[in-house]
Structures are given as C-alpha cells and as structure tokens.
Amino acid sequence: MGKLLIIKTGASDQSIIKKCGDCDVRIAKCAGIPYEDVKVISVHENIKPTLFDGVTSIIVTGSPSMVTNLDPWSVATSQWIKNIAKKHIPILGICYGHQLLAVTFGGAVGYHNLGEEKGEVEIQLTEAGKKDPLLSVLPDHFQAYAAHFQSITRLPKDAIVLAKNDFEPFHAVAYGEKIWGVQFHPECTDEFVCAATCQNSYGGILIKRFLELAG
C-alpha cells in the first residue's frame, strides 16, 4: 500500500493542538490511517521537501502564513511541487496549499476584498464539480470549515472550478487530472471535533476519496 506524504506549511494554535492535534494529525485521523503510516515534512521549519520511496499521494496543508509573503521555504516548496507534478502523483492542497498550487501553476493570490471567511460555511459544487472524480463524492450543497484572509485572485490557465459560494468563487479547483485544491479545511469542523466525528464528515469523506483515487 502506498504512503501519504503531508507537506506541512504551518502549525495550528496551541489550544487546537492540545485539543485534537495539529493539522497533520487531524488529516491522518480523517483518513482513518495510523499516524505512523504517514510521512510528514515541515517545510515551514525550513526542512527541504523530499519525495520518499513508496509515496503515492501528497497533501499540502494550510498555514497561518500568507502565500504573498513569498517566504523562502514557500517559494522552494512551490518549485518542488512544480517538479513533482510531472510525476503524476495525486496532490491535494488545503487552504494555503490550495493557494500555493494556484501560484505554482501560474495563477495569483491576494487578500480578499471582504476580509476573512471563517467558520462553517455552505459551499456548492459547480457542474464540473458534480462530475469530478474527487469532489463528486460530496452533495451538491455541503457545509465545510473555512478560515482564510487570502484567496485566489486569478486562476491558472486550464484550471477548472469545482466548488464555490457567495464569498469565495474558487473553493475547489482542479489543476490537472490528479491535482486538486480546496480553500476550505476538510480536516476541521467548526468546533474542531476531530476524533470520531471527522471520519464521518464531508471532509473525512473527501480525504478518504482522495487516497482511494491515489491507490
């Protein structure tokens, strides 16, 4: 069975970590896989991203950092992703990871005119999303947790919008046949009830489907 590689671009608040673990721990819980079976590289700590043998899927996490800061570790990770994409390994970007994918493939990111989107929000699939191998496992309208100040302001060429709402026109995007980004956080709920509840949530369903598609 292939390994999941988590590219960790930041850490959660200590209060959240104490309650239900950092983002990498929550992703593993949502996926229903043992944490020891996951490879994690904390690129925000200036650790160089590496593709380990046996890795068949990659998730790029959210972060309290901003993509527009152009931190050296972020720029290096973007270049690494661009190279890894040529290997056709499935990639899922979450929040910061979603925005980083957009920049990597030629799009742009900036602060949202309306400020922050935070909490449980309603999101709807586009017609493309309803047919997408990943997003189509979700209902046409679903609730998800969001927390972001920045958004994609220009999509890369050939990117396909899979989900949106009134606040955020690019809540889910396909950047190729095996690369997806979601602005919302599938590993979170509004109250960060992330143990048993997460696996049965829409976010848990999405992460499990991603790993299923990755084989």
C-alpha atoms as a PDB file:
ATOM      1  CA  MET A   1       0.000   0.000   0.000  1.00  0.00           C
ATOM      2  CA  GLY A   2       1.319   3.450  -0.914  1.00  0.00           C
ATOM      3  CA  LYS A   3       2.300   6.100   1.593  1.00  0.00           C
ATOM      4  CA  LEU A   4       0.724   9.515   2.136  1.00  0.00           C
ATOM      5  CA  LEU A   5       3.180  12.420   2.267  1.00  0.00           C
ATOM      6  CA  ILE A   6       1.988  15.522   4.127  1.00  0.00           C
ATOM      7  CA  ILE A   7       3.771  18.760   3.255  1.00  0.00           C
ATOM      8  CA  LYS A   8       3.192  20.792   6.406  1.00  0.00           C
ATOM      9  CA  THR A   9       3.214  24.533   5.736  1.00  0.00           C
ATOM     10  CA  GLY A  10       2.379  25.728   9.260  1.00  0.00           C
ATOM     11  CA  ALA A  11       1.162  24.815  12.726  1.00  0.00           C
ATOM     12  CA  SER A  12      -2.240  25.291  14.353  1.00  0.00           C
ATOM     13  CA  ASP A  13      -2.853  27.307  17.519  1.00  0.00           C
ATOM     14  CA  GLN A  14      -1.581  25.573  20.648  1.00  0.00           C
ATOM     15  CA  SER A  15      -5.121  25.377  22.020  1.00  0.00           C
ATOM     16  CA  ILE A  16      -6.241  23.415  18.950  1.00  0.00           C
ATOM     17  CA  ILE A  17      -3.164  21.181  19.007  1.00  0.00           C
ATOM     18  CA  LYS A  18      -3.813  20.372  22.673  1.00  0.00           C
ATOM     19  CA  LYS A  19      -7.454  19.555  21.975  1.00  0.00           C
ATOM     20  CA  CYS A  20      -7.207  17.456  18.826  1.00  0.00           C
ATOM     21  CA  GLY A  21      -3.734  17.559  17.314  1.00  0.00           C
ATOM     22  CA  ASP A  22      -2.024  19.603  14.632  1.00  0.00           C
ATOM     23  CA  CYS A  23      -3.188  19.607  11.012  1.00  0.00           C
ATOM     24  CA  ASP A  24      -1.112  16.568  10.036  1.00  0.00           C
ATOM     25  CA  VAL A  25      -2.529  14.552  12.930  1.00  0.00           C
ATOM     26  CA  ARG A  26      -6.082  15.591  12.054  1.00  0.00           C
ATOM     27  CA  ILE A  27      -5.599  14.670   8.393  1.00  0.00           C
ATOM     28  CA  ALA A  28      -4.474  11.172   9.397  1.00  0.00           C
ATOM     29  CA  LYS A  29      -7.479  10.854  11.711  1.00  0.00           C
ATOM     30  CA  CYS A  30      -9.871  11.956   8.979  1.00  0.00           C
ATOM     31  CA  ALA A  31      -8.293   9.478   6.587  1.00  0.00           C
ATOM     32  CA  GLY A  32      -8.630   6.713   9.150  1.00  0.00           C
ATOM     33  CA  ILE A  33      -4.977   5.731   8.831  1.00  0.00           C
ATOM     34  CA  PRO A  34      -2.358   5.340  11.609  1.00  0.00           C
ATOM     35  CA  TYR A  35      -0.212   8.442  12.019  1.00  0.00           C
ATOM     36  CA  GLU A  36       2.933   6.303  11.914  1.00  0.00           C
ATOM     37  CA  ASP A  37       1.992   5.311   8.358  1.00  0.00           C
ATOM     38  CA  VAL A  38       2.181   8.956   7.215  1.00  0.00           C
ATOM     39  CA  LYS A  39       5.318  10.804   6.128  1.00  0.00           C
ATOM     40  CA  VAL A  40       5.396  14.458   7.268  1.00  0.00           C
ATOM     41  CA  ILE A  41       7.793  17.189   6.136  1.00  0.00           C
ATOM     42  CA  SER A  42       7.511  20.505   7.998  1.00  0.00           C
ATOM     43  CA  VAL A  43       8.622  22.818   5.210  1.00  0.00           C
ATOM     44  CA  HIS A  44       7.663  25.897   7.281  1.00  0.00           C
ATOM     45  CA  GLU A  45      10.549  24.955   9.556  1.00  0.00           C
ATOM     46  CA  ASN A  46      12.869  25.236   6.553  1.00  0.00           C
ATOM     47  CA  ILE A  47      13.029  21.490   6.040  1.00  0.00           C
ATOM     48  CA  LYS A  48      13.561  20.698   2.379  1.00  0.00           C
ATOM     49  CA  PRO A  49      10.675  18.763   0.771  1.00  0.00           C
ATOM     50  CA  THR A  50      11.628  15.273  -0.383  1.00  0.00           C
ATOM     51  CA  LEU A  51       9.737  12.569  -2.236  1.00  0.00           C
ATOM     52  CA  PHE A  52      10.190   9.324  -0.306  1.00  0.00           C
ATOM     53  CA  ASP A  53      10.071   5.905  -1.933  1.00  0.00           C
ATOM     54  CA  GLY A  54       6.591   4.441  -1.843  1.00  0.00           C
ATOM     55  CA  VAL A  55       4.738   7.757  -1.673  1.00  0.00           C
ATOM     56  CA  THR A  56       1.614   7.615  -3.839  1.00  0.00           C
ATOM     57  CA  SER A  57      -0.229  10.734  -2.635  1.00  0.00           C
ATOM     58  CA  ILE A  58       0.639  14.191  -1.337  1.00  0.00           C
ATOM     59  CA  ILE A  59      -1.381  16.625   0.789  1.00  0.00           C
ATOM     60  CA  VAL A  60      -0.189  20.218   1.239  1.00  0.00           C
ATOM     61  CA  THR A  61      -1.631  21.709   4.431  1.00  0.00           C
ATOM     62  CA  GLY A  62      -2.963  25.061   5.480  1.00  0.00           C
ATOM     63  CA  SER A  63      -0.866  27.640   7.314  1.00  0.00           C
ATOM     64  CA  PRO A  64      -1.104  30.855   9.327  1.00  0.00           C
ATOM     65  CA  SER A  65       1.408  32.286   6.847  1.00  0.00           C
ATOM     66  CA  MET A  66       0.378  34.171   3.714  1.00  0.00           C
ATOM     67  CA  VAL A  67       1.352  32.974   0.249  1.00  0.00           C
ATOM     68  CA  THR A  68       2.054  36.571  -0.798  1.00  0.00           C
ATOM     69  CA  ASN A  69       4.811  36.831   1.829  1.00  0.00           C
ATOM     70  CA  LEU A  70       6.959  34.762  -0.541  1.00  0.00           C
ATOM     71  CA  ASP A  71       8.808  33.118   2.351  1.00  0.00           C
ATOM     72  CA  PRO A  72      11.894  31.259   1.058  1.00  0.00           C
ATOM     73  CA  TRP A  73      10.548  27.890   2.251  1.00  0.00           C
ATOM     74  CA  SER A  74       7.272  28.562   0.423  1.00  0.00           C
ATOM     75  CA  VAL A  75       8.965  29.542  -2.826  1.00  0.00           C
ATOM     76  CA  ALA A  76      11.154  26.419  -2.608  1.00  0.00           C
ATOM     77  CA  THR A  77       8.112  24.242  -1.937  1.00  0.00           C
ATOM     78  CA  SER A  78       6.321  25.740  -4.922  1.00  0.00           C
ATOM     79  CA  GLN A  79       9.230  24.845  -7.189  1.00  0.00           C
ATOM     80  CA  TRP A  80       9.330  21.351  -5.710  1.00  0.00           C
ATOM     81  CA  ILE A  81       5.602  20.901  -6.397  1.00  0.00           C
ATOM     82  CA  LYS A  82       6.089  22.025  -9.992  1.00  0.00           C
ATOM     83  CA  ASN A  83       8.710  19.306 -10.449  1.00  0.00           C
ATOM     84  CA  ILE A  84       6.728  16.629  -8.602  1.00  0.00           C
ATOM     85  CA  ALA A  85       3.636  17.348 -10.702  1.00  0.00           C
ATOM     86  CA  LYS A  86       5.478  15.887 -13.679  1.00  0.00           C
ATOM     87  CA  LYS A  87       5.495  12.514 -11.919  1.00  0.00           C
ATOM     88  CA  HIS A  88       1.658  12.417 -11.938  1.00  0.00           C
ATOM     89  CA  ILE A  89       1.385  11.720  -8.215  1.00  0.00           C
ATOM     90  CA  PRO A  90      -2.028  12.866  -6.891  1.00  0.00           C
ATOM     91  CA  ILE A  91      -1.794  16.120  -4.909  1.00  0.00           C
ATOM     92  CA  LEU A  92      -4.391  17.784  -2.678  1.00  0.00           C
ATOM     93  CA  GLY A  93      -3.790  21.339  -1.479  1.00  0.00           C
ATOM     94  CA  ILE A  94      -5.721  22.633   1.544  1.00  0.00           C
ATOM     95  CA  CYS A  95      -6.222  26.402   2.113  1.00  0.00           C
ATOM     96  CA  TYR A  96      -2.621  27.685   1.944  1.00  0.00           C
ATOM     97  CA  GLY A  97      -1.773  24.580  -0.074  1.00  0.00           C
ATOM     98  CA  HIS A  98      -4.657  25.330  -2.445  1.00  0.00           C
ATOM     99  CA  GLN A  99      -3.383  28.874  -2.980  1.00  0.00           C
ATOM    100  CA  LEU A 100       0.208  27.696  -3.361  1.00  0.00           C
ATOM    101  CA  LEU A 101      -0.878  25.318  -6.123  1.00  0.00           C
ATOM    102  CA  ALA A 102      -2.553  28.207  -7.926  1.00  0.00           C
ATOM    103  CA  VAL A 103       0.604  30.332  -7.783  1.00  0.00           C
ATOM    104  CA  THR A 104       2.783  27.357  -8.748  1.00  0.00           C
ATOM    105  CA  PHE A 105       0.827  26.785 -11.961  1.00  0.00           C
ATOM    106  CA  GLY A 106       0.599  30.431 -12.999  1.00  0.00           C
ATOM    107  CA  GLY A 107      -2.291  31.942 -11.024  1.00  0.00           C
ATOM    108  CA  ALA A 108      -2.304  34.732  -8.452  1.00  0.00           C
ATOM    109  CA  VAL A 109      -3.274  35.128  -4.787  1.00  0.00           C
ATOM    110  CA  GLY A 110      -4.152  38.181  -2.687  1.00  0.00           C
ATOM    111  CA  TYR A 111      -6.181  39.442   0.265  1.00  0.00           C
ATOM    112  CA  HIS A 112      -9.925  39.055  -0.128  1.00  0.00           C
ATOM    113  CA  ASN A 113     -11.827  42.330  -0.514  1.00  0.00           C
ATOM    114  CA  LEU A 114     -14.353  41.263   2.135  1.00  0.00           C
ATOM    115  CA  GLY A 115     -11.756  40.247   4.703  1.00  0.00           C
ATOM    116  CA  GLU A 116     -11.789  36.887   6.451  1.00  0.00           C
ATOM    117  CA  GLU A 117     -14.060  33.946   5.775  1.00  0.00           C
ATOM    118  CA  LYS A 118     -14.233  31.882   8.956  1.00  0.00           C
ATOM    119  CA  GLY A 119     -16.414  29.158  10.417  1.00  0.00           C
ATOM    120  CA  GLU A 120     -18.820  26.645   8.940  1.00  0.00           C
ATOM    121  CA  VAL A 121     -19.876  27.869   5.501  1.00  0.00           C
ATOM    122  CA  GLU A 122     -22.136  26.494   2.809  1.00  0.00           C
ATOM    123  CA  ILE A 123     -20.453  25.523  -0.434  1.00  0.00           C
ATOM    124  CA  GLN A 124     -21.951  24.315  -3.690  1.00  0.00           C
ATOM    125  CA  LEU A 125     -20.495  22.182  -6.431  1.00  0.00           C
ATOM    126  CA  THR A 126     -20.276  23.523  -9.950  1.00  0.00           C
ATOM    127  CA  GLU A 127     -21.421  21.362 -12.854  1.00  0.00           C
ATOM    128  CA  ALA A 128     -17.783  20.343 -13.310  1.00  0.00           C
ATOM    129  CA  GLY A 129     -17.559  19.516  -9.606  1.00  0.00           C
ATOM    130  CA  LYS A 130     -20.562  17.201  -9.820  1.00  0.00           C
ATOM    131  CA  LYS A 131     -18.666  15.159 -12.430  1.00  0.00           C
ATOM    132  CA  ASP A 132     -15.214  15.360 -10.848  1.00  0.00           C
ATOM    133  CA  PRO A 133     -13.745  12.062  -9.566  1.00  0.00           C
ATOM    134  CA  LEU A 134     -12.899  13.656  -6.190  1.00  0.00           C
ATOM    135  CA  LEU A 135     -15.493  16.329  -5.462  1.00  0.00           C
ATOM    136  CA  SER A 136     -18.439  14.313  -6.768  1.00  0.00           C
ATOM    137  CA  VAL A 137     -18.463  12.242  -3.558  1.00  0.00           C
ATOM    138  CA  LEU A 138     -19.908  15.331  -1.822  1.00  0.00           C
ATOM    139  CA  PRO A 139     -23.502  16.573  -2.001  1.00  0.00           C
ATOM    140  CA  ASP A 140     -24.321  19.380  -4.427  1.00  0.00           C
ATOM    141  CA  HIS A 141     -24.511  21.684  -1.363  1.00  0.00           C
ATOM    142  CA  PHE A 142     -22.438  20.927   1.736  1.00  0.00           C
ATOM    143  CA  GLN A 143     -21.083  22.530   4.898  1.00  0.00           C
ATOM    144  CA  ALA A 144     -17.343  22.899   5.479  1.00  0.00           C
ATOM    145  CA  TYR A 145     -14.996  24.825   7.760  1.00  0.00           C
ATOM    146  CA  ALA A 146     -13.127  27.813   6.311  1.00  0.00           C
ATOM    147  CA  ALA A 147     -10.547  30.180   7.786  1.00  0.00           C
ATOM    148  CA  HIS A 148      -8.666  32.424   5.376  1.00  0.00           C
ATOM    149  CA  PHE A 149      -7.831  36.068   4.674  1.00  0.00           C
ATOM    150  CA  GLN A 150      -6.316  35.436   1.250  1.00  0.00           C
ATOM    151  CA  SER A 151      -7.868  33.830  -1.813  1.00  0.00           C
ATOM    152  CA  ILE A 152      -7.009  33.003  -5.377  1.00  0.00           C
ATOM    153  CA  THR A 153      -7.480  36.169  -7.416  1.00  0.00           C
ATOM    154  CA  ARG A 154      -6.588  34.680 -10.795  1.00  0.00           C
ATOM    155  CA  LEU A 155      -6.782  31.048 -11.795  1.00  0.00           C
ATOM    156  CA  PRO A 156      -4.017  29.344 -13.735  1.00  0.00           C
ATOM    157  CA  LYS A 157      -4.711  28.570 -17.366  1.00  0.00           C
ATOM    158  CA  ASP A 158      -6.875  25.458 -17.819  1.00  0.00           C
ATOM    159  CA  ALA A 159      -7.778  25.251 -14.105  1.00  0.00           C
ATOM    160  CA  ILE A 160     -11.360  24.084 -13.524  1.00  0.00           C
ATOM    161  CA  VAL A 161     -13.573  25.446 -10.728  1.00  0.00           C
ATOM    162  CA  LEU A 162     -15.284  22.607  -8.864  1.00  0.00           C
ATOM    163  CA  ALA A 163     -16.953  24.386  -5.921  1.00  0.00           C
ATOM    164  CA  LYS A 164     -17.810  27.910  -4.805  1.00  0.00           C
ATOM    165  CA  ASN A 165     -20.022  30.071  -2.589  1.00  0.00           C
ATOM    166  CA  ASP A 166     -21.062  33.730  -2.484  1.00  0.00           C
ATOM    167  CA  PHE A 167     -17.862  34.719  -0.653  1.00  0.00           C
ATOM    168  CA  GLU A 168     -15.326  32.536  -2.411  1.00  0.00           C
ATOM    169  CA  PRO A 169     -15.627  31.790  -6.157  1.00  0.00           C
ATOM    170  CA  PHE A 170     -12.799  29.218  -6.116  1.00  0.00           C
ATOM    171  CA  HIS A 171     -13.467  26.966  -3.112  1.00  0.00           C
ATOM    172  CA  ALA A 172     -12.314  23.903  -5.010  1.00  0.00           C
ATOM    173  CA  VAL A 173     -10.246  23.759  -8.177  1.00  0.00           C
ATOM    174  CA  ALA A 174      -8.755  21.056 -10.371  1.00  0.00           C
ATOM    175  CA  TYR A 175      -5.276  21.954 -11.624  1.00  0.00           C
ATOM    176  CA  GLY A 176      -4.944  18.845 -13.751  1.00  0.00           C
ATOM    177  CA  GLU A 177      -6.166  15.267 -13.818  1.00  0.00           C
ATOM    178  CA  LYS A 178      -4.621  14.390 -10.453  1.00  0.00           C
ATOM    179  CA  ILE A 179      -4.139  17.743  -8.701  1.00  0.00           C
ATOM    180  CA  TRP A 180      -6.840  19.408  -6.611  1.00  0.00           C
ATOM    181  CA  GLY A 181      -7.031  22.350  -4.247  1.00  0.00           C
ATOM    182  CA  VAL A 182      -9.712  23.194  -1.690  1.00  0.00           C
ATOM    183  CA  GLN A 183      -9.935  26.549   0.065  1.00  0.00           C
ATOM    184  CA  PHE A 184     -11.934  25.010   2.916  1.00  0.00           C
ATOM    185  CA  HIS A 185     -10.449  22.713   5.574  1.00  0.00           C
ATOM    186  CA  PRO A 186     -11.635  19.105   5.219  1.00  0.00           C
ATOM    187  CA  GLU A 187      -9.659  18.151   8.355  1.00  0.00           C
ATOM    188  CA  CYS A 188     -11.597  20.587  10.563  1.00  0.00           C
ATOM    189  CA  THR A 189     -15.074  21.201  11.861  1.00  0.00           C
ATOM    190  CA  ASP A 190     -16.366  24.425  13.401  1.00  0.00           C
ATOM    191  CA  GLU A 191     -15.718  23.153  16.918  1.00  0.00           C
ATOM    192  CA  PHE A 192     -12.676  21.076  15.947  1.00  0.00           C
ATOM    193  CA  VAL A 193     -14.436  17.892  16.967  1.00  0.00           C
ATOM    194  CA  CYS A 194     -11.926  15.871  15.066  1.00  0.00           C
ATOM    195  CA  ALA A 195     -11.780  12.396  16.533  1.00  0.00           C
ATOM    196  CA  ALA A 196     -14.722  10.129  15.706  1.00  0.00           C
ATOM    197  CA  THR A 197     -16.761  12.856  14.022  1.00  0.00           C
ATOM    198  CA  CYS A 198     -14.158  13.762  11.408  1.00  0.00           C
ATOM    199  CA  GLN A 199     -14.151  10.417   9.622  1.00  0.00           C
ATOM    200  CA  ASN A 200     -17.881  10.684   9.008  1.00  0.00           C
ATOM    201  CA  SER A 201     -17.813  14.352   7.988  1.00  0.00           C
ATOM    202  CA  TYR A 202     -17.806  15.628   4.414  1.00  0.00           C
ATOM    203  CA  GLY A 203     -14.144  16.482   4.919  1.00  0.00           C
ATOM    204  CA  GLY A 204     -13.361  12.958   6.012  1.00  0.00           C
ATOM    205  CA  ILE A 205     -15.236  11.579   3.016  1.00  0.00           C
ATOM    206  CA  LEU A 206     -13.219  13.875   0.725  1.00  0.00           C
ATOM    207  CA  ILE A 207      -9.825  12.894   2.161  1.00  0.00           C
ATOM    208  CA  LYS A 208     -10.670   9.193   2.033  1.00  0.00           C
ATOM    209  CA  ARG A 209     -11.784   9.556  -1.569  1.00  0.00           C
ATOM    210  CA  PHE A 210      -8.539  11.341  -2.448  1.00  0.00           C
ATOM    211  CA  LEU A 211      -6.488   8.477  -1.028  1.00  0.00           C
ATOM    212  CA  GLU A 212      -8.734   5.976  -2.791  1.00  0.00           C
ATOM    213  CA  LEU A 213      -8.100   7.697  -6.127  1.00  0.00           C
ATOM    214  CA  ALA A 214      -4.383   7.682  -5.360  1.00  0.00           C
ATOM    215  CA  GLY A 215      -4.493   3.910  -4.955  1.00  0.00           C
END
